[in-house]
Amino acid sequence: MATNEDLANLLFPEVTETIDDLEKRFPERHLPEGAQVTRFAPSPTGFLHTGSLFTAFIARTVAKQSGGVYFFRLEDTDTKRTIAGSADDLIGQLAQFGIVADEGYFPDGDKGAYGPYQQSKRASIYKVVIKELIKQGKAYPDFMTAEELAALRKFQEENKILPGYYGPYARDRRLTVNEAIEKIKAGTPWVIRYRSQGDHDKKIKFTDRIRGTIEIADNDVDIVILKGDGLPTYHFAHVVDDHFMRTTIVTRGEEWIPSTPIHLQLFRDLGWKAPKYAHLPVIMKLDHGNKRKLSKRKDPEAAVSYLLKIGYPPQAILVYLMSIANSNFEEWTLSNHSFDVDKFPFSFSKMSLDGALFDEGKLNWFSKETMALIPTKDLVPEVTKWAKENDAALMAKIEADPAYFSRILGIERDRPNPRKDYARYQDIEPAIRFFYEEDYAKIVANGLPFNPRYSASFLEKFLGDMAEKMRYGVSESEWWNSVKEVASQDGFAVSNKDYKANPSAYQGSVSDAAELIRIALTGSKDSPNLHEIIEILGEKRVKERLHAVANH
């Protein structure tokens, strides 16, 4: 009578290595105590999802802050869904956020001693483990066709039976070794299934790093672990890869919680210590008052490329994601006057158990705060690079006079309390148009929002006086004193207190006078520091604009 070993040798005659050989090839990592080994393991099936960026960011943070290793593994065993080139795109996009693996799959070749880091190239490793499982009777070949499996599911559904290939419905589980060998020799196509010893009516418990103790139904399904194309399924490959790559913490979305019993069962049956699991909250969106998962099809912000295209700085997106990750992050930023996510002490215990709501307003706030702290000399090249790819109008302005643009972008920036004008790079061009004569002419042509109480004749005199009498090329205080002096001569109160005490005696306060200058020079009541605007425009252009508006 044939044995399981005979069956294993028939199925995998080319496999001569053993699990012990693999243990020696991929030994335990010698890292400092407490150092964690984490990974980001995407499938190359499309763009980088915001949720995937979140997962990679947390994995990299945990490894970095513990002095451990963060690696990138490409899970490309689902060949039907694989999109050529998307893996390299993922790595390139992650690099824009400073998320670069210590080891793993790279476009120019693997780096690290635990590869290959691409599952489609690890078939020989998986087969070593599967061959051992077959020898032990813990896995078996299944010969059911797709049509037979569909018929089984239909029968189960029609009879209100829990669907799946398990127990009495696992037909080929009951084949003898001789029967299986006979089918193999006859050329019958097969897959390999794991022989589960679980009981769906019982619960298992495991500790999640975020959610604490989780109790969930045990797995009793004989899952496929090797497909007909010779590649493993996700469940099996995850277990083998994370064991031999020596992962200590698996960070992944909460949608994988129901699959965890399968993985723990496989680790147990193989005699391996399972890594810790941290199931991250799914990023949600409010849709007509209801929360739902951020959707690739419905929500443009689900694609990281979209957020970058409209001009959110990568570091601002990470700051926002950290605010989702840990509830105490905002408090920490205030206490430490810092948005440096690498210095923030991340903790799984501070993560929300509920789906995190994508909040564009909050993202904009963090982005403004983050961008304001970037020195002008560093921000200009970042904006220029973005504009070259995404904003022709802004790029034309930059190329026309880079030094001039740099001065504009630097308004109220390099100071203890910088101005917070922009949430995205795409906000810059509309906000600075008034600095450029062609755009300024269009602004004026559309009409200026002067207070109607000021007559055209008054504006003509006042703006003309300001053009000729206020001081240029001096400190802000000296300039302001000259504005007050001219405004006083034209009937404005020098102080708001005087104006409030007797408003009918004045044309307005000196603040009103400054607003008239601002409107004449920028076309708006709201703009950055007026003194800096005047210094950037220069005396000649300021006089020209004031006189032109006065005489309009």
Protein backbone atom coordinates (compact mmCIF):
# COMPACT_ATOMS: atom_id res chain seq x y z
CA MET A 1 0.00 0.00 0.00
CA ALA A 2 1.32 3.44 -0.97
CA THR A 3 2.16 5.96 1.74
CA ASN A 4 1.83 9.73 2.05
CA GLU A 5 5.54 9.95 1.34
CA ASP A 6 5.00 8.11 -1.96
CA LEU A 7 2.25 10.60 -2.80
CA ALA A 8 4.47 13.56 -1.94
CA ASN A 9 7.32 12.26 -4.07
CA LEU A 10 4.99 11.65 -7.00
CA LEU A 11 3.61 15.19 -6.80
CA PHE A 12 6.96 16.91 -6.27
CA PRO A 13 9.78 14.69 -7.52
CA GLU A 14 11.98 17.73 -8.18
CA VAL A 15 11.84 18.90 -4.54
CA THR A 16 14.88 17.61 -2.65
CA GLU A 17 15.23 20.30 0.02
CA THR A 18 13.61 19.98 3.43
CA ILE A 19 12.13 22.49 5.84
CA ASP A 20 15.29 22.14 7.94
CA ASP A 21 17.29 23.22 4.89
CA LEU A 22 15.10 26.33 4.58
CA GLU A 23 15.52 27.11 8.28
CA LYS A 24 19.28 27.13 7.76
CA ARG A 25 19.04 29.23 4.59
CA PHE A 26 16.82 31.80 6.30
CA PRO A 27 18.03 31.87 9.91
CA GLU A 28 16.63 33.91 12.78
CA ARG A 29 17.60 37.57 12.58
CA HIS A 30 20.03 38.78 15.21
CA LEU A 31 18.51 42.09 16.22
CA PRO A 32 18.48 44.07 19.47
CA GLU A 33 15.85 43.10 22.01
CA GLY A 34 12.52 44.69 21.17
CA ALA A 35 13.42 45.32 17.53
CA GLN A 36 10.51 44.53 15.26
CA VAL A 37 10.53 43.11 11.73
CA THR A 38 7.62 44.49 9.70
CA ARG A 39 6.61 44.40 6.08
CA PHE A 40 4.45 45.98 3.44
CA ALA A 41 3.25 43.28 1.09
CA PRO A 42 1.04 44.67 -1.67
CA SER A 43 -0.31 42.98 -4.77
CA PRO A 44 0.73 44.72 -8.02
CA THR A 45 -2.86 45.27 -9.12
CA GLY A 46 -3.05 49.04 -9.56
CA PHE A 47 -2.42 52.38 -7.91
CA LEU A 48 -1.25 53.00 -4.36
CA HIS A 49 -4.40 53.26 -2.25
CA THR A 50 -4.47 55.75 0.63
CA GLY A 51 -5.21 52.81 2.93
CA SER A 52 -2.16 50.97 1.61
CA LEU A 53 0.02 54.02 2.22
CA PHE A 54 -1.35 54.06 5.77
CA THR A 55 -0.42 50.40 6.23
CA ALA A 56 3.09 50.87 4.83
CA PHE A 57 3.61 53.99 6.93
CA ILE A 58 2.68 52.21 10.16
CA ALA A 59 4.86 49.20 9.32
CA ARG A 60 7.85 51.41 8.57
CA THR A 61 7.25 53.51 11.72
CA VAL A 62 7.13 50.46 14.00
CA ALA A 63 10.33 49.02 12.54
CA LYS A 64 12.20 52.33 12.57
CA GLN A 65 11.25 53.32 16.11
CA SER A 66 12.15 49.87 17.49
CA GLY A 67 15.49 49.65 15.69
CA GLY A 68 14.23 46.80 13.55
CA VAL A 69 13.77 46.02 9.85
CA TYR A 70 11.04 47.08 7.40
CA PHE A 71 10.90 45.11 4.15
CA PHE A 72 8.85 45.19 0.94
CA ARG A 73 7.41 41.94 -0.37
CA LEU A 74 5.56 41.68 -3.65
CA GLU A 75 2.55 39.36 -3.47
CA ASP A 76 2.02 38.65 -7.15
CA THR A 77 0.60 35.13 -7.15
CA ASP A 78 -2.76 36.30 -8.52
CA THR A 79 -1.51 36.52 -12.09
CA LYS A 80 -4.93 37.41 -13.53
CA ARG A 81 -5.07 40.67 -11.54
CA THR A 82 -1.40 41.65 -11.86
CA ILE A 83 -0.79 44.88 -13.80
CA ALA A 84 2.63 45.15 -15.42
CA GLY A 85 4.75 47.96 -14.01
CA SER A 86 2.47 48.72 -11.07
CA ALA A 87 4.90 47.25 -8.53
CA ASP A 88 7.64 49.69 -9.54
CA ASP A 89 5.08 52.50 -9.49
CA LEU A 90 4.13 51.57 -5.93
CA ILE A 91 7.76 51.69 -4.83
CA GLY A 92 8.29 55.02 -6.56
CA GLN A 93 5.26 56.57 -4.91
CA LEU A 94 6.23 55.26 -1.47
CA ALA A 95 9.69 56.76 -1.96
CA GLN A 96 8.09 60.20 -2.36
CA PHE A 97 6.96 59.80 1.24
CA GLY A 98 10.37 58.67 2.44
CA ILE A 99 9.05 55.14 2.90
CA VAL A 100 11.93 53.10 1.51
CA ALA A 101 12.39 49.50 2.59
CA ASP A 102 15.52 48.33 4.38
CA GLU A 103 15.36 45.22 2.25
CA GLY A 104 13.05 43.50 -0.19
CA TYR A 105 11.89 43.80 -3.77
CA PHE A 106 13.32 46.77 -5.69
CA PRO A 107 12.99 47.61 -9.40
CA ASP A 108 16.70 47.07 -9.90
CA GLY A 109 16.81 43.77 -8.00
CA ASP A 110 16.26 42.32 -4.54
CA LYS A 111 18.19 43.63 -1.56
CA GLY A 112 18.49 41.45 1.51
CA ALA A 113 19.27 37.89 2.56
CA TYR A 114 15.70 36.59 2.90
CA GLY A 115 14.57 36.73 -0.72
CA PRO A 116 13.36 36.29 -3.30
CA TYR A 117 10.94 39.00 -2.13
CA GLN A 118 8.56 38.33 -5.01
CA GLN A 119 6.14 35.48 -4.38
CA SER A 120 6.03 34.34 -7.99
CA LYS A 121 9.76 33.56 -7.66
CA ARG A 122 9.39 31.57 -4.42
CA ALA A 123 7.53 28.55 -5.83
CA SER A 124 10.35 26.18 -4.93
CA ILE A 125 10.22 27.32 -1.28
CA TYR A 126 6.46 26.81 -1.02
CA LYS A 127 6.70 23.36 -2.57
CA VAL A 128 9.25 22.24 0.04
CA VAL A 129 6.76 23.07 2.80
CA ILE A 130 3.78 21.62 0.95
CA LYS A 131 5.64 18.39 0.26
CA GLU A 132 6.28 18.05 4.00
CA LEU A 133 2.61 18.70 4.80
CA ILE A 134 1.59 15.96 2.35
CA LYS A 135 4.06 13.55 3.94
CA GLN A 136 2.44 14.27 7.30
CA GLY A 137 -1.08 13.86 5.94
CA LYS A 138 -1.85 17.54 6.60
CA ALA A 139 -2.40 18.36 2.92
CA TYR A 140 -3.77 16.43 -0.04
CA PRO A 141 -4.44 16.75 -3.78
CA ASP A 142 -7.95 17.77 -4.81
CA PHE A 143 -9.27 16.89 -8.25
CA MET A 144 -12.64 18.66 -8.27
CA THR A 145 -13.27 20.69 -11.39
CA ALA A 146 -14.53 24.27 -11.42
CA GLU A 147 -17.93 22.97 -12.56
CA GLU A 148 -18.09 20.46 -9.70
CA LEU A 149 -17.16 23.13 -7.17
CA ALA A 150 -19.84 25.46 -8.56
CA ALA A 151 -22.41 22.67 -8.30
CA LEU A 152 -21.39 22.03 -4.69
CA ARG A 153 -21.83 25.70 -3.82
CA LYS A 154 -25.22 25.80 -5.53
CA PHE A 155 -26.35 22.72 -3.56
CA GLN A 156 -25.19 24.27 -0.28
CA GLU A 157 -26.90 27.58 -0.98
CA GLU A 158 -30.17 25.98 -2.07
CA ASN A 159 -30.21 23.90 1.12
CA LYS A 160 -29.12 26.80 3.34
CA ILE A 161 -25.86 25.05 4.21
CA LEU A 162 -22.82 27.13 5.03
CA PRO A 163 -20.92 27.17 1.72
CA GLY A 164 -17.38 25.90 1.52
CA TYR A 165 -15.12 22.89 0.99
CA TYR A 166 -15.09 21.33 4.45
CA GLY A 167 -16.01 18.22 6.43
CA PRO A 168 -18.53 16.08 4.55
CA TYR A 169 -18.37 18.45 1.56
CA ALA A 170 -14.62 18.03 1.13
CA ARG A 171 -14.97 15.18 -1.34
CA ASP A 172 -11.36 14.41 -2.16
CA ARG A 173 -10.24 14.67 1.45
CA ARG A 174 -11.56 11.11 1.76
CA LEU A 175 -9.57 9.66 -1.13
CA THR A 176 -7.06 6.99 -0.22
CA VAL A 177 -3.43 7.55 -1.14
CA ASN A 178 -3.72 4.87 -3.80
CA GLU A 179 -6.81 6.54 -5.31
CA ALA A 180 -5.03 9.90 -5.39
CA ILE A 181 -1.95 8.39 -7.01
CA GLU A 182 -4.08 6.70 -9.64
CA LYS A 183 -5.71 10.01 -10.59
CA ILE A 184 -2.35 11.79 -10.74
CA LYS A 185 -0.88 9.11 -12.99
CA ALA A 186 -3.97 9.40 -15.21
CA GLY A 187 -3.15 13.08 -15.73
CA THR A 188 -6.15 14.45 -13.82
CA PRO A 189 -5.56 18.16 -13.00
CA TRP A 190 -5.14 18.87 -9.29
CA VAL A 191 -4.65 21.54 -6.66
CA ILE A 192 -3.33 21.03 -3.14
CA ARG A 193 -5.59 21.62 -0.16
CA TYR A 194 -4.77 21.97 3.51
CA ARG A 195 -6.46 19.32 5.68
CA SER A 196 -8.05 21.43 8.41
CA GLN A 197 -8.62 19.94 11.85
CA GLY A 198 -10.65 22.94 12.95
CA ASP A 199 -14.23 23.08 14.17
CA HIS A 200 -16.37 26.01 12.98
CA ASP A 201 -18.66 25.58 15.99
CA LYS A 202 -15.79 26.37 18.33
CA LYS A 203 -14.04 29.67 18.96
CA ILE A 204 -10.36 30.50 19.00
CA LYS A 205 -8.76 33.44 20.76
CA PHE A 206 -5.77 35.50 19.75
CA THR A 207 -4.32 38.80 20.89
CA ASP A 208 -4.31 41.66 18.43
CA ARG A 209 -1.84 44.49 19.12
CA ILE A 210 -4.57 47.07 18.51
CA ARG A 211 -7.81 45.36 19.51
CA GLY A 212 -6.69 43.16 22.38
CA THR A 213 -8.25 39.71 22.68
CA ILE A 214 -10.29 38.66 19.67
CA GLU A 215 -12.56 35.62 19.80
CA ILE A 216 -13.62 34.24 16.45
CA ALA A 217 -14.92 31.02 14.89
CA ASP A 218 -12.28 28.40 14.16
CA ASN A 219 -11.49 27.51 10.56
CA ASP A 220 -12.68 24.15 9.27
CA VAL A 221 -12.35 24.81 5.53
CA ASP A 222 -9.81 22.81 3.56
CA ILE A 223 -8.40 25.83 1.77
CA VAL A 224 -6.40 25.59 -1.44
CA ILE A 225 -2.74 26.21 -0.67
CA LEU A 226 -1.29 25.49 -4.13
CA LYS A 227 -3.19 26.41 -7.27
CA GLY A 228 -3.17 24.62 -10.60
CA ASP A 229 -0.64 27.13 -11.97
CA GLY A 230 1.92 26.01 -9.39
CA LEU A 231 1.64 29.17 -7.29
CA PRO A 232 0.33 29.35 -3.72
CA THR A 233 -2.73 31.16 -2.44
CA TYR A 234 -2.35 34.25 -0.26
CA HIS A 235 -3.14 32.38 2.95
CA PHE A 236 -0.38 29.83 2.56
CA ALA A 237 2.21 32.17 1.06
CA HIS A 238 1.70 34.65 3.91
CA VAL A 239 2.46 32.00 6.51
CA VAL A 240 5.54 30.63 4.74
CA ASP A 241 6.95 34.03 3.81
CA ASP A 242 6.44 35.67 7.18
CA HIS A 243 8.03 32.71 8.89
CA PHE A 244 11.13 32.51 6.71
CA MET A 245 11.48 36.30 6.45
CA ARG A 246 11.22 36.34 10.25
CA THR A 247 8.40 38.91 10.46
CA THR A 248 7.51 39.73 14.06
CA ILE A 249 4.46 41.97 13.53
CA VAL A 250 2.02 41.77 10.63
CA THR A 251 0.25 45.09 10.06
CA ARG A 252 -2.73 44.76 7.75
CA GLY A 253 -6.30 45.98 7.34
CA GLU A 254 -9.07 44.81 9.65
CA GLU A 255 -10.75 43.05 6.72
CA TRP A 256 -8.20 40.24 7.28
CA ILE A 257 -9.41 39.46 10.81
CA PRO A 258 -11.76 36.64 9.61
CA SER A 259 -8.80 34.96 7.87
CA THR A 260 -6.58 34.95 10.94
CA PRO A 261 -7.79 31.53 12.21
CA ILE A 262 -6.58 29.99 8.94
CA HIS A 263 -3.16 31.53 9.35
CA LEU A 264 -2.80 30.63 13.02
CA GLN A 265 -3.85 27.07 12.21
CA LEU A 266 -1.18 26.78 9.52
CA PHE A 267 1.51 28.20 11.80
CA ARG A 268 0.51 25.72 14.51
CA ASP A 269 0.46 22.68 12.22
CA LEU A 270 3.86 23.61 10.83
CA GLY A 271 5.27 23.98 14.34
CA TRP A 272 6.16 27.62 13.81
CA LYS A 273 5.73 30.58 16.13
CA ALA A 274 3.18 32.98 14.64
CA PRO A 275 3.98 36.68 14.40
CA LYS A 276 1.89 39.23 16.27
CA TYR A 277 -0.99 40.74 14.34
CA ALA A 278 -2.09 44.36 14.27
CA HIS A 279 -5.26 44.83 12.25
CA LEU A 280 -5.47 48.48 11.27
CA PRO A 281 -8.74 50.43 11.10
CA VAL A 282 -10.10 50.90 7.60
CA ILE A 283 -10.17 54.49 6.32
CA MET A 284 -13.80 55.48 5.90
CA LYS A 285 -15.71 58.27 4.16
CA LEU A 286 -18.94 60.00 5.10
CA ASP A 287 -21.44 59.50 2.27
CA HIS A 288 -24.90 61.07 2.70
CA GLY A 289 -24.58 60.75 6.46
CA ASN A 290 -23.35 57.15 6.41
CA LYS A 291 -19.83 55.84 6.86
CA ARG A 292 -18.41 53.57 4.19
CA LYS A 293 -14.98 52.31 3.19
CA LEU A 294 -12.93 54.69 1.04
CA SER A 295 -13.59 53.36 -2.45
CA LYS A 296 -11.21 53.04 -5.39
CA ARG A 297 -14.13 53.48 -7.79
CA LYS A 298 -16.04 56.31 -6.10
CA ASP A 299 -13.48 58.45 -4.28
CA PRO A 300 -10.57 60.18 -6.05
CA GLU A 301 -8.84 60.68 -2.68
CA ALA A 302 -8.55 56.90 -2.40
CA ALA A 303 -5.62 57.16 -4.83
CA VAL A 304 -2.43 58.59 -3.35
CA SER A 305 -1.54 59.82 -6.85
CA TYR A 306 -4.61 62.08 -6.78
CA LEU A 307 -3.58 63.68 -3.49
CA LEU A 308 -0.11 64.32 -4.87
CA LYS A 309 -1.45 65.64 -8.18
CA ILE A 310 -3.56 68.33 -6.52
CA GLY A 311 -0.53 69.37 -4.54
CA TYR A 312 -0.57 68.02 -1.02
CA PRO A 313 3.05 67.79 0.17
CA PRO A 314 3.93 64.16 0.96
CA GLN A 315 5.04 65.08 4.48
CA ALA A 316 1.67 66.73 5.12
CA ILE A 317 -0.18 63.57 4.08
CA LEU A 318 1.94 61.53 6.52
CA VAL A 319 1.22 64.02 9.31
CA TYR A 320 -2.49 63.63 8.62
CA LEU A 321 -2.23 59.82 8.56
CA MET A 322 -0.41 59.87 11.89
CA SER A 323 -3.30 61.87 13.34
CA ILE A 324 -5.56 59.02 12.20
CA ALA A 325 -3.16 56.44 13.58
CA ASN A 326 -2.81 57.78 17.13
CA SER A 327 -5.38 59.81 19.03
CA ASN A 328 -2.71 61.68 21.03
CA PHE A 329 -0.75 62.93 18.02
CA GLU A 330 -2.39 66.37 17.87
CA GLU A 331 -1.72 66.93 21.56
CA TRP A 332 1.90 65.90 21.02
CA THR A 333 2.33 68.35 18.13
CA LEU A 334 1.13 71.21 20.33
CA SER A 335 3.32 70.21 23.26
CA ASN A 336 6.43 69.70 21.14
CA HIS A 337 5.86 72.40 18.51
CA SER A 338 6.67 69.78 15.91
CA PHE A 339 5.04 67.83 13.10
CA ASP A 340 7.98 65.43 12.74
CA VAL A 341 6.27 62.05 12.55
CA ASP A 342 9.60 60.27 13.01
CA LYS A 343 9.99 61.80 16.47
CA PHE A 344 6.45 61.05 17.61
CA PRO A 345 6.30 57.95 19.87
CA PHE A 346 3.80 55.86 17.95
CA SER A 347 1.86 53.25 19.91
CA PHE A 348 -0.56 50.54 18.81
CA SER A 349 -2.48 51.08 22.06
CA LYS A 350 -3.46 54.60 20.93
CA MET A 351 -5.07 53.42 17.70
CA SER A 352 -8.82 53.71 17.19
CA LEU A 353 -10.85 50.51 16.98
CA ASP A 354 -13.32 52.13 14.62
CA GLY A 355 -12.83 53.03 10.99
CA ALA A 356 -10.96 56.30 10.68
CA LEU A 357 -12.97 58.95 8.82
CA PHE A 358 -11.19 60.65 5.93
CA ASP A 359 -11.55 64.35 6.75
CA GLU A 360 -10.48 66.72 3.98
CA GLY A 361 -10.80 69.73 6.28
CA LYS A 362 -8.45 68.17 8.78
CA LEU A 363 -6.03 67.20 6.02
CA ASN A 364 -6.05 70.81 4.80
CA TRP A 365 -5.37 72.11 8.32
CA PHE A 366 -2.43 69.79 8.86
CA SER A 367 -1.14 70.56 5.37
CA LYS A 368 -1.21 74.32 5.98
CA GLU A 369 0.58 73.87 9.30
CA THR A 370 3.16 71.55 7.77
CA MET A 371 3.82 73.61 4.64
CA ALA A 372 4.21 76.78 6.69
CA LEU A 373 7.17 75.24 8.50
CA ILE A 374 9.08 74.33 5.34
CA PRO A 375 11.84 76.93 4.75
CA THR A 376 11.47 78.86 1.51
CA LYS A 377 14.73 77.48 0.14
CA ASP A 378 13.36 73.95 0.52
CA LEU A 379 9.79 74.69 -0.53
CA VAL A 380 10.62 76.42 -3.83
CA PRO A 381 12.22 73.33 -5.46
CA GLU A 382 9.37 71.12 -4.22
CA VAL A 383 6.76 73.46 -5.70
CA THR A 384 8.75 73.82 -8.91
CA LYS A 385 8.97 70.07 -9.37
CA TRP A 386 5.23 69.72 -8.78
CA ALA A 387 4.34 72.61 -11.10
CA LYS A 388 6.45 71.18 -13.91
CA GLU A 389 4.25 68.08 -13.93
CA ASN A 390 0.87 69.51 -12.92
CA ASP A 391 0.45 73.29 -13.32
CA ALA A 392 1.59 74.98 -16.53
CA ALA A 393 0.39 78.42 -15.42
CA LEU A 394 2.40 78.28 -12.20
CA MET A 395 5.44 76.88 -13.99
CA ALA A 396 5.36 79.76 -16.47
CA LYS A 397 5.46 82.23 -13.60
CA ILE A 398 8.34 80.42 -11.93
CA GLU A 399 10.38 80.22 -15.14
CA ALA A 400 9.76 83.88 -15.96
CA ASP A 401 11.67 84.98 -12.86
CA PRO A 402 12.65 82.29 -10.30
CA ALA A 403 14.06 84.83 -7.82
CA TYR A 404 10.86 86.89 -7.97
CA PHE A 405 8.74 83.78 -7.37
CA SER A 406 10.95 82.78 -4.46
CA ARG A 407 10.40 86.17 -2.81
CA ILE A 408 6.63 85.82 -3.28
CA LEU A 409 6.56 82.31 -1.81
CA GLY A 410 8.68 83.50 1.10
CA ILE A 411 6.24 86.18 2.30
CA GLU A 412 5.84 85.85 6.07
CA ARG A 413 7.37 82.38 5.92
CA ASP A 414 10.83 82.39 7.45
CA ARG A 415 9.73 83.75 10.82
CA PRO A 416 8.70 82.27 14.21
CA ASN A 417 4.99 82.40 13.34
CA PRO A 418 4.84 81.89 9.57
CA ARG A 419 1.75 82.70 7.55
CA LYS A 420 -0.40 79.69 6.60
CA ASP A 421 -1.77 80.47 3.15
CA TYR A 422 -1.64 77.20 1.27
CA ALA A 423 -2.96 73.70 1.92
CA ARG A 424 -1.93 72.45 -1.52
CA TYR A 425 0.52 73.53 -4.17
CA GLN A 426 -2.41 74.10 -6.53
CA ASP A 427 -3.58 76.89 -4.19
CA ILE A 428 -0.45 78.93 -4.91
CA GLU A 429 -0.98 80.16 -8.47
CA PRO A 430 -4.48 81.66 -7.94
CA ALA A 431 -3.26 83.36 -4.76
CA ILE A 432 -0.23 85.06 -6.34
CA ARG A 433 -1.68 86.17 -9.68
CA PHE A 434 -1.84 89.83 -8.61
CA PHE A 435 1.97 89.92 -8.55
CA TYR A 436 2.01 89.47 -12.33
CA GLU A 437 0.97 92.38 -14.54
CA GLU A 438 -1.07 90.47 -17.09
CA ASP A 439 -3.13 88.80 -14.39
CA TYR A 440 -3.34 91.99 -12.36
CA ALA A 441 -4.83 93.83 -15.35
CA LYS A 442 -7.58 91.19 -15.60
CA ILE A 443 -8.29 91.51 -11.87
CA VAL A 444 -8.69 95.29 -12.13
CA ALA A 445 -10.84 94.97 -15.24
CA ASN A 446 -13.33 92.86 -13.27
CA GLY A 447 -13.79 95.65 -10.72
CA LEU A 448 -12.29 96.27 -7.29
CA PRO A 449 -14.19 95.76 -4.01
CA PHE A 450 -13.80 99.27 -2.56
CA ASN A 451 -16.25 100.36 0.12
CA PRO A 452 -18.93 102.34 -1.75
CA ARG A 453 -18.77 105.13 0.83
CA TYR A 454 -15.53 106.31 -0.80
CA SER A 455 -16.15 108.42 -3.89
CA ALA A 456 -14.06 108.18 -7.03
CA SER A 457 -12.69 111.67 -6.43
CA PHE A 458 -11.67 110.77 -2.89
CA LEU A 459 -9.97 107.56 -4.02
CA GLU A 460 -8.16 109.47 -6.75
CA LYS A 461 -6.68 111.91 -4.21
CA PHE A 462 -5.97 109.38 -1.47
CA LEU A 463 -4.32 106.74 -3.68
CA GLY A 464 -2.35 109.43 -5.51
CA ASP A 465 -1.12 110.83 -2.20
CA MET A 466 -0.11 107.36 -1.02
CA ALA A 467 1.72 106.61 -4.26
CA GLU A 468 3.91 109.68 -3.89
CA LYS A 469 4.21 110.19 -0.13
CA MET A 470 4.49 106.79 1.56
CA ARG A 471 8.02 105.51 2.03
CA TYR A 472 9.61 102.69 0.06
CA GLY A 473 12.60 100.49 0.80
CA VAL A 474 12.39 101.01 4.56
CA SER A 475 11.55 98.82 7.54
CA GLU A 476 7.94 97.83 8.15
CA SER A 477 7.61 100.19 11.10
CA GLU A 478 8.97 103.14 9.14
CA TRP A 479 6.69 102.33 6.24
CA TRP A 480 3.67 102.05 8.53
CA ASN A 481 4.42 105.40 10.13
CA SER A 482 4.47 107.01 6.69
CA VAL A 483 1.12 105.37 5.84
CA LYS A 484 -0.40 106.74 9.04
CA GLU A 485 0.96 110.20 8.30
CA VAL A 486 -0.51 110.32 4.77
CA ALA A 487 -3.78 108.75 5.95
CA SER A 488 -4.09 111.36 8.71
CA GLN A 489 -3.64 114.17 6.19
CA ASP A 490 -6.48 112.69 4.13
CA GLY A 491 -8.88 112.48 7.06
CA PHE A 492 -8.31 109.02 8.57
CA ALA A 493 -7.97 108.49 12.31
CA VAL A 494 -4.45 107.43 13.26
CA SER A 495 -5.79 105.02 15.90
CA ASN A 496 -8.84 102.80 16.00
CA LYS A 497 -9.62 104.16 19.45
CA ASP A 498 -9.95 107.71 18.10
CA TYR A 499 -12.13 106.50 15.23
CA LYS A 500 -14.48 104.56 17.50
CA ALA A 501 -14.80 107.56 19.80
CA ASN A 502 -15.97 109.86 17.00
CA PRO A 503 -16.48 107.98 13.68
CA SER A 504 -18.31 110.81 11.96
CA ALA A 505 -15.23 113.01 12.23
CA TYR A 506 -13.07 110.74 10.07
CA GLN A 507 -12.98 109.00 6.70
CA GLY A 508 -12.25 105.83 8.63
CA SER A 509 -9.44 104.32 10.69
CA VAL A 510 -5.90 103.85 9.46
CA SER A 511 -6.83 100.17 9.02
CA ASP A 512 -9.45 101.26 6.49
CA ALA A 513 -6.80 103.32 4.73
CA ALA A 514 -4.51 100.27 4.52
CA GLU A 515 -7.37 98.22 3.11
CA LEU A 516 -7.79 100.72 0.25
CA ILE A 517 -4.09 100.37 -0.59
CA ARG A 518 -4.35 96.59 -0.40
CA ILE A 519 -7.35 96.46 -2.72
CA ALA A 520 -5.69 98.79 -5.22
CA LEU A 521 -2.50 96.71 -5.33
CA THR A 522 -3.91 93.16 -5.09
CA GLY A 523 -7.58 93.35 -6.05
CA SER A 524 -8.60 91.79 -2.73
CA LYS A 525 -9.32 92.74 0.88
CA ASP A 526 -7.35 89.70 2.01
CA SER A 527 -3.70 89.21 1.11
CA PRO A 528 -0.35 88.53 2.76
CA ASN A 529 1.67 91.20 4.55
CA LEU A 530 1.10 94.50 2.72
CA HIS A 531 4.57 95.87 3.41
CA GLU A 532 6.19 92.75 1.93
CA ILE A 533 3.92 92.96 -1.12
CA ILE A 534 4.99 96.57 -1.71
CA GLU A 535 8.67 95.68 -1.32
CA ILE A 536 8.38 92.81 -3.81
CA LEU A 537 6.44 94.83 -6.37
CA GLY A 538 8.88 97.72 -5.98
CA GLU A 539 8.30 101.47 -5.88
CA LYS A 540 7.86 101.92 -9.63
CA ARG A 541 5.12 99.31 -10.02
CA VAL A 542 3.36 100.30 -6.82
CA LYS A 543 3.14 103.92 -7.99
CA GLU A 544 1.95 102.85 -11.42
CA ARG A 545 -0.78 100.66 -9.95
CA LEU A 546 -1.99 103.21 -7.42
CA HIS A 547 -2.14 106.01 -9.98
CA ALA A 548 -3.82 103.75 -12.55
CA VAL A 549 -6.53 102.70 -10.08
CA ALA A 550 -6.92 106.29 -8.85
CA ASN A 551 -7.53 107.52 -12.37
CA HIS A 552 -9.67 104.58 -13.51
